[in-house]
Each structure stands twice: as structure tokens, then as C-alpha cells.
């Protein structure tokens, strides 16, 4: 009969995830989707069919100058202002949004 002995090794979960830098190295390159929402509008299918076409303009509920919502993987995480970064759009983060119930 063989006898098993539990000996710690370098790959045990307690040791490898105990360090913040090790955990950080594991998740640093995990891709996430960052989305900036300019605005929303709810339309009926008929309105979409009537109004959607080349050159058409559809007004959004968000007012000009209002902060834009920043989402990571569909979760609201921040708000900010649209900026120009060379010939591209960017966002200047002005507020970090905490989880509901948190004071931030």
C-alpha cells in the first residue's frame, strides 16, 4: 500500500495566488471590452424603418455637455468627457463609479 504525503510545491494555489504581483502577472493580459456610450434612444421598429437611412439624424436622450458613460464588459465603471486625441476620439475620465451601495 502506498502512502500519500501532502507536501507544498510551487504550484499550489495558496502559494501562487498569495502574492499580489503574481496575481497581477496572471491577469495583466486578460482582454476586456471598454465601451463609451454617447447616448441612447428607444424607437419603435416603425420609427427605425422610417428614420434610418443615409443622411438621417436621430436625436439621443443625452444632452450635449453631459458626461459620457464608460463601461468595462458591460459594467458601468466611470464617466468622462469626449476629447480629440490627434485624429481620433478619446475620453477624459472625470468620475469613477463604485458598486451600488459603496460610497464612491
PDB file of N, CA and C in Angstrom:
ATOM      1  N   UNK A   1       0.830  -1.176   0.000  1.00  0.00           N
ATOM      2  CA  UNK A   1       0.000   0.000   0.000  1.00  0.00           C
ATOM      3  C   UNK A   1       0.878   1.244   0.000  1.00  0.00           C
ATOM      4  N   UNK A   2       0.564   2.178  -0.879  1.00  0.00           N
ATOM      5  CA  UNK A   2       1.353   3.403  -0.904  1.00  0.00           C
ATOM      6  C   UNK A   2       0.733   4.433   0.017  1.00  0.00           C
ATOM      7  N   UNK A   3       1.571   5.278   0.523  1.00  0.00           N
ATOM      8  CA  UNK A   3       1.097   6.308   1.443  1.00  0.00           C
ATOM      9  C   UNK A   3       1.334   7.661   0.785  1.00  0.00           C
ATOM     10  N   UNK A   4       0.257   8.502   0.718  1.00  0.00           N
ATOM     11  CA  UNK A   4       0.388   9.829   0.125  1.00  0.00           C
ATOM     12  C   UNK A   4       0.839  10.817   1.175  1.00  0.00           C
ATOM     13  N   UNK A   5       1.721  11.678   0.790  1.00  0.00           N
ATOM     14  CA  UNK A   5       2.193  12.718   1.685  1.00  0.00           C
ATOM     15  C   UNK A   5       1.902  14.057   1.035  1.00  0.00           C
ATOM     16  N   UNK A   6       1.252  14.933   1.756  1.00  0.00           N
ATOM     17  CA  UNK A   6       0.969  16.266   1.236  1.00  0.00           C
ATOM     18  C   UNK A   6       2.155  17.162   1.512  1.00  0.00           C
ATOM     19  N   UNK A   7       2.864  17.504   0.464  1.00  0.00           N
ATOM     20  CA  UNK A   7       3.995  18.413   0.603  1.00  0.00           C
ATOM     21  C   UNK A   7       3.725  19.636  -0.238  1.00  0.00           C
ATOM     22  N   UNK A   8       4.044  20.810   0.273  1.00  0.00           N
ATOM     23  CA  UNK A   8       3.813  22.028  -0.518  1.00  0.00           C
ATOM     24  C   UNK A   8       4.719  22.054  -1.733  1.00  0.00           C
ATOM     25  N   UNK A   9       4.187  22.544  -2.826  1.00  0.00           N
ATOM     26  CA  UNK A   9       5.013  22.747  -4.009  1.00  0.00           C
ATOM     27  C   UNK A   9       4.744  24.141  -4.555  1.00  0.00           C
ATOM     28  N   UNK A  10       5.553  24.550  -5.503  1.00  0.00           N
ATOM     29  CA  UNK A  10       5.475  25.921  -6.005  1.00  0.00           C
ATOM     30  C   UNK A  10       4.190  26.226  -6.750  1.00  0.00           C
ATOM     31  N   UNK A  11       3.441  25.218  -7.170  1.00  0.00           N
ATOM     32  CA  UNK A  11       2.244  25.482  -7.955  1.00  0.00           C
ATOM     33  C   UNK A  11       0.963  25.377  -7.133  1.00  0.00           C
ATOM     34  N   UNK A  12       1.069  25.264  -5.816  1.00  0.00           N
ATOM     35  CA  UNK A  12      -0.153  25.182  -5.011  1.00  0.00           C
ATOM     36  C   UNK A  12      -0.881  26.511  -5.069  1.00  0.00           C
ATOM     37  N   UNK A  13      -2.222  26.490  -5.116  1.00  0.00           N
ATOM     38  CA  UNK A  13      -2.982  27.729  -5.253  1.00  0.00           C
ATOM     39  C   UNK A  13      -2.717  28.721  -4.134  1.00  0.00           C
ATOM     40  N   UNK A  14      -2.532  28.246  -2.916  1.00  0.00           N
ATOM     41  CA  UNK A  14      -2.319  29.157  -1.799  1.00  0.00           C
ATOM     42  C   UNK A  14      -1.037  29.951  -1.958  1.00  0.00           C
ATOM     43  N   UNK A  15       0.005  29.301  -2.468  1.00  0.00           N
ATOM     44  CA  UNK A  15       1.274  29.992  -2.608  1.00  0.00           C
ATOM     45  C   UNK A  15       1.311  30.867  -3.848  1.00  0.00           C
ATOM     46  N   UNK A  16       0.817  30.372  -4.979  1.00  0.00           N
ATOM     47  CA  UNK A  16       0.956  31.112  -6.225  1.00  0.00           C
ATOM     48  C   UNK A  16       0.043  32.329  -6.283  1.00  0.00           C
ATOM     49  N   UNK A  17      -1.105  32.300  -5.613  1.00  0.00           N
ATOM     50  CA  UNK A  17      -2.019  33.443  -5.656  1.00  0.00           C
ATOM     51  C   UNK A  17      -1.910  34.320  -4.426  1.00  0.00           C
ATOM     52  N   UNK A  18      -1.042  33.961  -3.500  1.00  0.00           N
ATOM     53  CA  UNK A  18      -0.903  34.736  -2.275  1.00  0.00           C
ATOM     54  C   UNK A  18      -0.246  36.077  -2.499  1.00  0.00           C
ATOM     55  N   UNK A  19       0.536  36.212  -3.524  1.00  0.00           N
ATOM     56  CA  UNK A  19       1.256  37.443  -3.797  1.00  0.00           C
ATOM     57  C   UNK A  19       0.488  38.291  -4.797  1.00  0.00           C
ATOM     58  N   UNK A  20       0.359  39.571  -4.488  1.00  0.00           N
ATOM     59  CA  UNK A  20      -0.340  40.480  -5.400  1.00  0.00           C
ATOM     60  C   UNK A  20       0.363  40.552  -6.744  1.00  0.00           C
ATOM     61  N   UNK A  21       1.699  40.566  -6.748  1.00  0.00           N
ATOM     62  CA  UNK A  21       2.416  40.666  -8.015  1.00  0.00           C
ATOM     63  C   UNK A  21       2.229  39.414  -8.864  1.00  0.00           C
ATOM     64  N   UNK A  22       2.144  38.247  -8.248  1.00  0.00           N
ATOM     65  CA  UNK A  22       1.902  37.021  -9.004  1.00  0.00           C
ATOM     66  C   UNK A  22       0.507  37.058  -9.612  1.00  0.00           C
ATOM     67  N   UNK A  23      -0.475  37.452  -8.814  1.00  0.00           N
ATOM     68  CA  UNK A  23      -1.846  37.557  -9.325  1.00  0.00           C
ATOM     69  C   UNK A  23      -1.916  38.585 -10.444  1.00  0.00           C
ATOM     70  N   UNK A  24      -1.260  39.693 -10.251  1.00  0.00           N
ATOM     71  CA  UNK A  24      -1.244  40.729 -11.276  1.00  0.00           C
ATOM     72  C   UNK A  24      -0.639  40.202 -12.571  1.00  0.00           C
ATOM     73  N   UNK A  25       0.425  39.436 -12.480  1.00  0.00           N
ATOM     74  CA  UNK A  25       1.052  38.863 -13.673  1.00  0.00           C
ATOM     75  C   UNK A  25       0.110  37.899 -14.387  1.00  0.00           C
ATOM     76  N   UNK A  26      -0.738  37.212 -13.639  1.00  0.00           N
ATOM     77  CA  UNK A  26      -1.669  36.273 -14.247  1.00  0.00           C
ATOM     78  C   UNK A  26      -2.788  36.968 -15.000  1.00  0.00           C
ATOM     79  N   UNK A  27      -3.217  38.144 -14.527  1.00  0.00           N
ATOM     80  CA  UNK A  27      -4.385  38.789 -15.130  1.00  0.00           C
ATOM     81  C   UNK A  27      -4.061  40.024 -15.957  1.00  0.00           C
ATOM     82  N   UNK A  28      -2.809  40.443 -15.985  1.00  0.00           N
ATOM     83  CA  UNK A  28      -2.434  41.661 -16.719  1.00  0.00           C
ATOM     84  C   UNK A  28      -2.846  41.638 -18.183  1.00  0.00           C
ATOM     85  N   UNK A  29      -2.791  40.482 -18.840  1.00  0.00           N
ATOM     86  CA  UNK A  29      -3.075  40.442 -20.267  1.00  0.00           C
ATOM     87  C   UNK A  29      -4.447  39.852 -20.591  1.00  0.00           C
ATOM     88  N   UNK A  30      -5.345  39.823 -19.595  1.00  0.00           N
ATOM     89  CA  UNK A  30      -6.707  39.347 -19.852  1.00  0.00           C
ATOM     90  C   UNK A  30      -7.452  40.454 -20.597  1.00  0.00           C
ATOM     91  N   UNK A  31      -7.966  40.165 -21.791  1.00  0.00           N
ATOM     92  CA  UNK A  31      -8.655  41.213 -22.558  1.00  0.00           C
ATOM     93  C   UNK A  31     -10.011  41.558 -21.956  1.00  0.00           C
ATOM     94  N   UNK A  32     -10.333  42.835 -21.969  1.00  0.00           N
ATOM     95  CA  UNK A  32     -11.654  43.323 -21.548  1.00  0.00           C
ATOM     96  C   UNK A  32     -12.151  44.275 -22.624  1.00  0.00           C
ATOM     97  N   UNK A  33     -13.465  44.452 -22.705  1.00  0.00           N
ATOM     98  CA  UNK A  33     -14.045  45.366 -23.686  1.00  0.00           C
ATOM     99  C   UNK A  33     -14.418  46.662 -22.972  1.00  0.00           C
ATOM    100  N   UNK A  34     -13.812  47.761 -23.395  1.00  0.00           N
ATOM    101  CA  UNK A  34     -14.136  49.082 -22.870  1.00  0.00           C
ATOM    102  C   UNK A  34     -15.029  49.774 -23.892  1.00  0.00           C
ATOM    103  N   UNK A  35     -16.187  50.240 -23.438  1.00  0.00           N
ATOM    104  CA  UNK A  35     -17.161  50.883 -24.313  1.00  0.00           C
ATOM    105  C   UNK A  35     -17.510  52.243 -23.736  1.00  0.00           C
ATOM    106  N   UNK A  36     -17.572  53.240 -24.592  1.00  0.00           N
ATOM    107  CA  UNK A  36     -18.019  54.572 -24.194  1.00  0.00           C
ATOM    108  C   UNK A  36     -19.349  54.815 -24.880  1.00  0.00           C
ATOM    109  N   UNK A  37     -20.355  55.126 -24.078  1.00  0.00           N
ATOM    110  CA  UNK A  37     -21.701  55.314 -24.628  1.00  0.00           C
ATOM    111  C   UNK A  37     -21.993  56.800 -24.801  1.00  0.00           C
ATOM    112  N   UNK A  38     -22.235  57.179 -26.040  1.00  0.00           N
ATOM    113  CA  UNK A  38     -22.564  58.561 -26.372  1.00  0.00           C
ATOM    114  C   UNK A  38     -23.989  58.896 -25.962  1.00  0.00           C
ATOM    115  N   UNK A  39     -24.911  57.963 -26.106  1.00  0.00           N
ATOM    116  CA  UNK A  39     -26.301  58.203 -25.743  1.00  0.00           C
ATOM    117  C   UNK A  39     -27.179  57.056 -26.187  1.00  0.00           C
ATOM    118  N   UNK A  40     -28.447  57.138 -25.810  1.00  0.00           N
ATOM    119  CA  UNK A  40     -29.423  56.098 -26.160  1.00  0.00           C
ATOM    120  C   UNK A  40     -30.725  56.749 -26.579  1.00  0.00           C
ATOM    121  N   UNK A  41     -31.492  55.967 -27.285  1.00  0.00           N
ATOM    122  CA  UNK A  41     -32.849  56.364 -27.634  1.00  0.00           C
ATOM    123  C   UNK A  41     -33.655  55.090 -27.854  1.00  0.00           C
ATOM    124  N   UNK A  42     -34.902  55.122 -27.471  1.00  0.00           N
ATOM    125  CA  UNK A  42     -35.789  53.992 -27.713  1.00  0.00           C
ATOM    126  C   UNK A  42     -36.738  54.371 -28.836  1.00  0.00           C
ATOM    127  N   UNK A  43     -36.757  53.538 -29.862  1.00  0.00           N
ATOM    128  CA  UNK A  43     -37.608  53.779 -31.018  1.00  0.00           C
ATOM    129  C   UNK A  43     -38.418  52.525 -31.302  1.00  0.00           C
ATOM    130  N   UNK A  44     -39.586  52.710 -31.882  1.00  0.00           N
ATOM    131  CA  UNK A  44     -40.353  51.553 -32.351  1.00  0.00           C
ATOM    132  C   UNK A  44     -39.713  51.079 -33.652  1.00  0.00           C
ATOM    133  N   UNK A  45     -40.010  49.883 -34.028  1.00  0.00           N
ATOM    134  CA  UNK A  45     -39.492  49.351 -35.283  1.00  0.00           C
ATOM    135  C   UNK A  45     -39.928  50.225 -36.456  1.00  0.00           C
ATOM    136  N   UNK A  46     -41.153  50.716 -36.424  1.00  0.00           N
ATOM    137  CA  UNK A  46     -41.664  51.596 -37.475  1.00  0.00           C
ATOM    138  C   UNK A  46     -40.827  52.878 -37.550  1.00  0.00           C
ATOM    139  N   UNK A  47     -40.506  53.478 -36.385  1.00  0.00           N
ATOM    140  CA  UNK A  47     -39.686  54.697 -36.375  1.00  0.00           C
ATOM    141  C   UNK A  47     -38.296  54.437 -36.957  1.00  0.00           C
ATOM    142  N   UNK A  48     -37.728  53.303 -36.620  1.00  0.00           N
ATOM    143  CA  UNK A  48     -36.412  52.958 -37.156  1.00  0.00           C
ATOM    144  C   UNK A  48     -36.491  52.840 -38.674  1.00  0.00           C
ATOM    145  N   UNK A  49     -37.500  52.136 -39.153  1.00  0.00           N
ATOM    146  CA  UNK A  49     -37.650  51.947 -40.601  1.00  0.00           C
ATOM    147  C   UNK A  49     -37.880  53.273 -41.314  1.00  0.00           C
ATOM    148  N   UNK A  50     -38.642  54.176 -40.699  1.00  0.00           N
ATOM    149  CA  UNK A  50     -38.945  55.465 -41.312  1.00  0.00           C
ATOM    150  C   UNK A  50     -37.769  56.435 -41.262  1.00  0.00           C
ATOM    151  N   UNK A  51     -36.970  56.358 -40.196  1.00  0.00           N
ATOM    152  CA  UNK A  51     -35.959  57.383 -39.948  1.00  0.00           C
ATOM    153  C   UNK A  51     -34.539  56.974 -40.256  1.00  0.00           C
ATOM    154  N   UNK A  52     -34.254  55.687 -40.373  1.00  0.00           N
ATOM    155  CA  UNK A  52     -32.880  55.241 -40.542  1.00  0.00           C
ATOM    156  C   UNK A  52     -32.524  55.174 -42.019  1.00  0.00           C
ATOM    157  N   UNK A  53     -31.554  55.946 -42.394  1.00  0.00           N
ATOM    158  CA  UNK A  53     -31.096  55.961 -43.781  1.00  0.00           C
ATOM    159  C   UNK A  53     -29.916  56.899 -43.922  1.00  0.00           C
ATOM    160  N   UNK A  54     -29.254  56.879 -45.063  1.00  0.00           N
ATOM    161  CA  UNK A  54     -28.112  57.770 -45.275  1.00  0.00           C
ATOM    162  C   UNK A  54     -28.508  59.228 -45.075  1.00  0.00           C
ATOM    163  N   UNK A  55     -27.750  59.934 -44.267  1.00  0.00           N
ATOM    164  CA  UNK A  55     -28.000  61.349 -44.011  1.00  0.00           C
ATOM    165  C   UNK A  55     -29.004  61.623 -42.907  1.00  0.00           C
ATOM    166  N   UNK A  56     -29.649  60.587 -42.389  1.00  0.00           N
ATOM    167  CA  UNK A  56     -30.645  60.821 -41.332  1.00  0.00           C
ATOM    168  C   UNK A  56     -29.942  61.121 -40.013  1.00  0.00           C
ATOM    169  N   UNK A  57     -30.613  61.902 -39.184  1.00  0.00           N
ATOM    170  CA  UNK A  57     -30.103  62.261 -37.861  1.00  0.00           C
ATOM    171  C   UNK A  57     -31.113  61.794 -36.832  1.00  0.00           C
ATOM    172  N   UNK A  58     -30.645  61.063 -35.847  1.00  0.00           N
ATOM    173  CA  UNK A  58     -31.512  60.583 -34.770  1.00  0.00           C
ATOM    174  C   UNK A  58     -31.018  61.202 -33.467  1.00  0.00           C
ATOM    175  N   UNK A  59     -31.877  61.959 -32.802  1.00  0.00           N
ATOM    176  CA  UNK A  59     -31.519  62.599 -31.534  1.00  0.00           C
ATOM    177  C   UNK A  59     -31.426  61.560 -30.426  1.00  0.00           C
ATOM    178  N   UNK A  60     -30.463  61.749 -29.559  1.00  0.00           N
ATOM    179  CA  UNK A  60     -30.267  60.860 -28.422  1.00  0.00           C
ATOM    180  C   UNK A  60     -30.753  61.541 -27.149  1.00  0.00           C
ATOM    181  N   UNK A  61     -31.005  60.756 -26.123  1.00  0.00           N
ATOM    182  CA  UNK A  61     -31.531  61.297 -24.868  1.00  0.00           C
ATOM    183  C   UNK A  61     -30.492  62.118 -24.104  1.00  0.00           C
ATOM    184  N   UNK A  62     -29.214  61.827 -24.278  1.00  0.00           N
ATOM    185  CA  UNK A  62     -28.162  62.535 -23.536  1.00  0.00           C
ATOM    186  C   UNK A  62     -27.977  63.943 -24.106  1.00  0.00           C
ATOM    187  N   UNK A  63     -27.850  64.908 -23.216  1.00  0.00           N
ATOM    188  CA  UNK A  63     -27.657  66.291 -23.618  1.00  0.00           C
ATOM    189  C   UNK A  63     -26.203  66.563 -23.969  1.00  0.00           C
ATOM    190  N   UNK A  64     -25.952  67.540 -24.842  1.00  0.00           N
ATOM    191  CA  UNK A  64     -24.575  67.916 -25.137  1.00  0.00           C
ATOM    192  C   UNK A  64     -23.951  68.446 -23.851  1.00  0.00           C
ATOM    193  N   UNK A  65     -22.701  68.126 -23.638  1.00  0.00           N
ATOM    194  CA  UNK A  65     -22.013  68.549 -22.424  1.00  0.00           C
ATOM    195  C   UNK A  65     -22.204  67.596 -21.253  1.00  0.00           C
ATOM    196  N   UNK A  66     -23.144  66.688 -21.357  1.00  0.00           N
ATOM    197  CA  UNK A  66     -23.374  65.711 -20.294  1.00  0.00           C
ATOM    198  C   UNK A  66     -22.251  64.666 -20.339  1.00  0.00           C
ATOM    199  N   UNK A  67     -21.864  64.153 -19.173  1.00  0.00           N
ATOM    200  CA  UNK A  67     -20.792  63.164 -19.114  1.00  0.00           C
ATOM    201  C   UNK A  67     -21.187  61.885 -19.851  1.00  0.00           C
ATOM    202  N   UNK A  68     -20.186  61.265 -20.486  1.00  0.00           N
ATOM    203  CA  UNK A  68     -20.387  60.008 -21.196  1.00  0.00           C
ATOM    204  C   UNK A  68     -20.118  58.845 -20.247  1.00  0.00           C
ATOM    205  N   UNK A  69     -20.848  57.762 -20.418  1.00  0.00           N
ATOM    206  CA  UNK A  69     -20.680  56.587 -19.573  1.00  0.00           C
ATOM    207  C   UNK A  69     -19.603  55.680 -20.147  1.00  0.00           C
ATOM    208  N   UNK A  70     -18.743  55.160 -19.257  1.00  0.00           N
ATOM    209  CA  UNK A  70     -17.669  54.248 -19.634  1.00  0.00           C
ATOM    210  C   UNK A  70     -17.970  52.889 -19.010  1.00  0.00           C
ATOM    211  N   UNK A  71     -18.019  51.871 -19.852  1.00  0.00           N
ATOM    212  CA  UNK A  71     -18.324  50.516 -19.400  1.00  0.00           C
ATOM    213  C   UNK A  71     -17.123  49.613 -19.644  1.00  0.00           C
ATOM    214  N   UNK A  72     -16.865  48.698 -18.729  1.00  0.00           N
ATOM    215  CA  UNK A  72     -15.914  47.613 -18.958  1.00  0.00           C
ATOM    216  C   UNK A  72     -16.714  46.335 -18.843  1.00  0.00           C
ATOM    217  N   UNK A  73     -16.715  45.565 -19.932  1.00  0.00           N
ATOM    218  CA  UNK A  73     -17.503  44.330 -20.004  1.00  0.00           C
ATOM    219  C   UNK A  73     -18.942  44.561 -19.556  1.00  0.00           C
ATOM    220  N   UNK A  74     -19.558  45.591 -20.077  1.00  0.00           N
ATOM    221  CA  UNK A  74     -20.964  45.943 -19.827  1.00  0.00           C
ATOM    222  C   UNK A  74     -21.255  46.409 -18.407  1.00  0.00           C
ATOM    223  N   UNK A  75     -20.252  46.719 -17.622  1.00  0.00           N
ATOM    224  CA  UNK A  75     -20.459  47.241 -16.272  1.00  0.00           C
ATOM    225  C   UNK A  75     -19.993  48.689 -16.235  1.00  0.00           C
ATOM    226  N   UNK A  76     -20.877  49.582 -15.788  1.00  0.00           N
ATOM    227  CA  UNK A  76     -20.531  50.996 -15.683  1.00  0.00           C
ATOM    228  C   UNK A  76     -19.418  51.170 -14.658  1.00  0.00           C
ATOM    229  N   UNK A  77     -18.303  51.770 -15.074  1.00  0.00           N
ATOM    230  CA  UNK A  77     -17.165  51.939 -14.174  1.00  0.00           C
ATOM    231  C   UNK A  77     -16.732  53.396 -14.032  1.00  0.00           C
ATOM    232  N   UNK A  78     -17.109  54.247 -14.993  1.00  0.00           N
ATOM    233  CA  UNK A  78     -16.640  55.633 -14.946  1.00  0.00           C
ATOM    234  C   UNK A  78     -17.508  56.515 -15.828  1.00  0.00           C
ATOM    235  N   UNK A  79     -17.277  57.814 -15.707  1.00  0.00           N
ATOM    236  CA  UNK A  79     -17.902  58.809 -16.587  1.00  0.00           C
ATOM    237  C   UNK A  79     -16.815  59.786 -17.012  1.00  0.00           C
ATOM    238  N   UNK A  80     -17.013  60.401 -18.161  1.00  0.00           N
ATOM    239  CA  UNK A  80     -15.993  61.311 -18.638  1.00  0.00           C
ATOM    240  C   UNK A  80     -16.469  62.192 -19.764  1.00  0.00           C
ATOM    241  N   UNK A  81     -15.512  62.938 -20.314  1.00  0.00           N
ATOM    242  CA  UNK A  81     -15.784  63.904 -21.379  1.00  0.00           C
ATOM    243  C   UNK A  81     -15.092  63.452 -22.656  1.00  0.00           C
ATOM    244  N   UNK A  82     -15.749  63.641 -23.781  1.00  0.00           N
ATOM    245  CA  UNK A  82     -15.137  63.325 -25.066  1.00  0.00           C
ATOM    246  C   UNK A  82     -14.031  64.327 -25.366  1.00  0.00           C
ATOM    247  N   UNK A  83     -12.918  63.832 -25.888  1.00  0.00           N
ATOM    248  CA  UNK A  83     -11.800  64.695 -26.269  1.00  0.00           C
ATOM    249  C   UNK A  83     -11.263  64.216 -27.614  1.00  0.00           C
ATOM    250  N   UNK A  84     -10.537  65.089 -28.275  1.00  0.00           N
ATOM    251  CA  UNK A  84      -9.847  64.718 -29.514  1.00  0.00           C
ATOM    252  C   UNK A  84      -8.415  64.359 -29.165  1.00  0.00           C
ATOM    253  N   UNK A  85      -7.960  63.214 -29.657  1.00  0.00           N
ATOM    254  CA  UNK A  85      -6.582  62.772 -29.462  1.00  0.00           C
ATOM    255  C   UNK A  85      -6.001  62.588 -30.864  1.00  0.00           C
ATOM    256  N   UNK A  86      -5.392  63.636 -31.367  1.00  0.00           N
ATOM    257  CA  UNK A  86      -4.949  63.617 -32.761  1.00  0.00           C
ATOM    258  C   UNK A  86      -6.166  63.571 -33.651  1.00  0.00           C
ATOM    259  N   UNK A  87      -6.251  62.555 -34.511  1.00  0.00           N
ATOM    260  CA  UNK A  87      -7.400  62.426 -35.403  1.00  0.00           C
ATOM    261  C   UNK A  87      -8.392  61.365 -34.909  1.00  0.00           C
ATOM    262  N   UNK A  88      -8.316  61.040 -33.626  1.00  0.00           N
ATOM    263  CA  UNK A  88      -9.220  60.042 -33.037  1.00  0.00           C
ATOM    264  C   UNK A  88      -9.962  60.641 -31.852  1.00  0.00           C
ATOM    265  N   UNK A  89     -11.042  59.971 -31.485  1.00  0.00           N
ATOM    266  CA  UNK A  89     -11.751  60.348 -30.268  1.00  0.00           C
ATOM    267  C   UNK A  89     -11.097  59.692 -29.070  1.00  0.00           C
ATOM    268  N   UNK A  90     -11.230  60.330 -27.926  1.00  0.00           N
ATOM    269  CA  UNK A  90     -10.767  59.764 -26.664  1.00  0.00           C
ATOM    270  C   UNK A  90     -11.740  60.177 -25.578  1.00  0.00           C
ATOM    271  N   UNK A  91     -11.472  59.756 -24.367  1.00  0.00           N
ATOM    272  CA  UNK A  91     -12.315  60.149 -23.246  1.00  0.00           C
ATOM    273  C   UNK A  91     -11.438  60.515 -22.064  1.00  0.00           C
ATOM    274  N   UNK A  92     -11.737  61.648 -21.471  1.00  0.00           N
ATOM    275  CA  UNK A  92     -11.063  62.090 -20.252  1.00  0.00           C
ATOM    276  C   UNK A  92     -11.939  61.647 -19.084  1.00  0.00           C
ATOM    277  N   UNK A  93     -11.437  60.756 -18.257  1.00  0.00           N
ATOM    278  CA  UNK A  93     -12.195  60.232 -17.127  1.00  0.00           C
ATOM    279  C   UNK A  93     -12.317  61.330 -16.062  1.00  0.00           C
ATOM    280  N   UNK A  94     -13.541  61.615 -15.662  1.00  0.00           N
ATOM    281  CA  UNK A  94     -13.782  62.642 -14.651  1.00  0.00           C
ATOM    282  C   UNK A  94     -14.367  62.075 -13.364  1.00  0.00           C
ATOM    283  N   UNK A  95     -14.859  60.843 -13.429  1.00  0.00           N
ATOM    284  CA  UNK A  95     -15.501  60.242 -12.267  1.00  0.00           C
ATOM    285  C   UNK A  95     -15.400  58.727 -12.345  1.00  0.00           C
ATOM    286  N   UNK A  96     -14.999  58.105 -11.237  1.00  0.00           N
ATOM    287  CA  UNK A  96     -15.005  56.641 -11.131  1.00  0.00           C
ATOM    288  C   UNK A  96     -16.289  56.273 -10.407  1.00  0.00           C
ATOM    289  N   UNK A  97     -17.012  55.301 -10.943  1.00  0.00           N
ATOM    290  CA  UNK A  97     -18.295  54.900 -10.384  1.00  0.00           C
ATOM    291  C   UNK A  97     -18.082  53.619  -9.577  1.00  0.00           C
ATOM    292  N   UNK A  98     -18.486  53.654  -8.290  1.00  0.00           N
ATOM    293  CA  UNK A  98     -18.364  52.473  -7.450  1.00  0.00           C
ATOM    294  C   UNK A  98     -19.558  51.560  -7.602  1.00  0.00           C
ATOM    295  N   UNK A  99     -19.459  50.393  -6.967  1.00  0.00           N
ATOM    296  CA  UNK A  99     -20.584  49.466  -6.956  1.00  0.00           C
ATOM    297  C   UNK A  99     -21.733  50.087  -6.192  1.00  0.00           C
ATOM    298  N   UNK A 100     -22.974  49.718  -6.526  1.00  0.00           N
ATOM    299  CA  UNK A 100     -24.114  50.229  -5.766  1.00  0.00           C
ATOM    300  C   UNK A 100     -23.942  49.924  -4.290  1.00  0.00           C
ATOM    301  N   UNK A 101     -24.182  50.917  -3.450  1.00  0.00           N
ATOM    302  CA  UNK A 101     -24.036  50.720  -2.007  1.00  0.00           C
ATOM    303  C   UNK A 101     -22.690  51.175  -1.487  1.00  0.00           C
ATOM    304  N   UNK A 102     -21.710  51.399  -2.394  1.00  0.00           N
ATOM    305  CA  UNK A 102     -20.410  51.914  -1.976  1.00  0.00           C
ATOM    306  C   UNK A 102     -20.466  53.424  -1.986  1.00  0.00           C
ATOM    307  N   UNK A 103     -19.649  54.032  -1.209  1.00  0.00           N
ATOM    308  CA  UNK A 103     -19.659  55.494  -1.118  1.00  0.00           C
ATOM    309  C   UNK A 103     -18.861  56.167  -2.198  1.00  0.00           C
ATOM    310  N   UNK A 104     -18.764  55.653  -3.424  1.00  0.00           N
ATOM    311  CA  UNK A 104     -17.941  56.292  -4.427  1.00  0.00           C
ATOM    312  C   UNK A 104     -18.487  56.163  -5.729  1.00  0.00           C
TER     313      UNK A 104
END
